[in-house]
Amino acid sequence: MTGVISGSGQWAYVAAAYALTALLTGAVLWSSWRAMAKAERRSDALRRDRK
């Protein structure tokens, strides 16, 4: 059958898909964490300016 992944190639494809998903999920989490930390610093700076 043309276009069907079979044998060990199938599992390599599955492993690559999971690895890519994990990598991209990590990138999104890291980016979100950085944005949150930046927002907290800005919020803290605004609070200090008010006092």
C-alpha atoms as a PDB file:
ATOM      1  CA  MET A   1       0.000   0.000   0.000  1.00  0.00           C
ATOM      2  CA  THR A   2       1.347   3.391  -0.926  1.00  0.00           C
ATOM      3  CA  GLY A   3       1.422   6.100   1.730  1.00  0.00           C
ATOM      4  CA  VAL A   4       1.160   3.740   4.697  1.00  0.00           C
ATOM      5  CA  ILE A   5       3.946   3.695   7.264  1.00  0.00           C
ATOM      6  CA  SER A   6       4.672   0.132   8.294  1.00  0.00           C
ATOM      7  CA  GLY A   7       7.179  -1.835  10.327  1.00  0.00           C
ATOM      8  CA  SER A   8       9.731  -0.076  12.497  1.00  0.00           C
ATOM      9  CA  GLY A   9       9.224   3.125  10.494  1.00  0.00           C
ATOM     10  CA  GLN A  10       5.791   3.406  12.052  1.00  0.00           C
ATOM     11  CA  TRP A  11       7.223   3.457  15.571  1.00  0.00           C
ATOM     12  CA  ALA A  12       9.950   5.905  14.594  1.00  0.00           C
ATOM     13  CA  TYR A  13       7.216   8.206  13.287  1.00  0.00           C
ATOM     14  CA  VAL A  14       5.213   7.833  16.511  1.00  0.00           C
ATOM     15  CA  ALA A  15       8.307   8.488  18.649  1.00  0.00           C
ATOM     16  CA  ALA A  16       9.176  11.558  16.574  1.00  0.00           C
ATOM     17  CA  ALA A  17       5.613  12.865  16.880  1.00  0.00           C
ATOM     18  CA  TYR A  18       5.680  12.454  20.678  1.00  0.00           C
ATOM     19  CA  ALA A  19       9.125  14.074  20.890  1.00  0.00           C
ATOM     20  CA  LEU A  20       7.983  17.023  18.790  1.00  0.00           C
ATOM     21  CA  THR A  21       4.838  17.396  20.907  1.00  0.00           C
ATOM     22  CA  ALA A  22       6.876  17.324  24.124  1.00  0.00           C
ATOM     23  CA  LEU A  23       9.369  19.837  22.735  1.00  0.00           C
ATOM     24  CA  LEU A  24       6.693  22.265  21.573  1.00  0.00           C
ATOM     25  CA  THR A  25       4.738  21.890  24.816  1.00  0.00           C
ATOM     26  CA  GLY A  26       7.907  22.709  26.731  1.00  0.00           C
ATOM     27  CA  ALA A  27       8.489  25.754  24.529  1.00  0.00           C
ATOM     28  CA  VAL A  28       4.958  27.033  25.174  1.00  0.00           C
ATOM     29  CA  LEU A  29       5.301  26.465  28.923  1.00  0.00           C
ATOM     30  CA  TRP A  30       8.678  28.236  29.007  1.00  0.00           C
ATOM     31  CA  SER A  31       7.343  31.159  26.980  1.00  0.00           C
ATOM     32  CA  SER A  32       4.287  31.463  29.221  1.00  0.00           C
ATOM     33  CA  TRP A  33       6.423  31.328  32.351  1.00  0.00           C
ATOM     34  CA  ARG A  34       8.691  34.082  31.009  1.00  0.00           C
ATOM     35  CA  ALA A  35       5.677  36.275  30.153  1.00  0.00           C
ATOM     36  CA  MET A  36       4.206  35.697  33.620  1.00  0.00           C
ATOM     37  CA  ALA A  37       7.492  36.595  35.312  1.00  0.00           C
ATOM     38  CA  LYS A  38       7.762  39.769  33.232  1.00  0.00           C
ATOM     39  CA  ALA A  39       4.184  40.754  34.091  1.00  0.00           C
ATOM     40  CA  GLU A  40       4.862  40.166  37.801  1.00  0.00           C
ATOM     41  CA  ARG A  41       7.959  42.379  37.654  1.00  0.00           C
ATOM     42  CA  ARG A  42       5.945  45.121  35.965  1.00  0.00           C
ATOM     43  CA  SER A  43       3.178  44.777  38.548  1.00  0.00           C
ATOM     44  CA  ASP A  44       5.671  44.950  41.420  1.00  0.00           C
ATOM     45  CA  ALA A  45       7.280  48.035  39.878  1.00  0.00           C
ATOM     46  CA  LEU A  46       3.886  49.755  39.580  1.00  0.00           C
ATOM     47  CA  ARG A  47       3.112  48.963  43.220  1.00  0.00           C
ATOM     48  CA  ARG A  48       6.449  50.394  44.338  1.00  0.00           C
ATOM     49  CA  ASP A  49       5.765  53.562  42.332  1.00  0.00           C
ATOM     50  CA  ARG A  50       2.420  54.059  44.089  1.00  0.00           C
ATOM     51  CA  LYS A  51       3.896  54.067  47.581  1.00  0.00           C
END
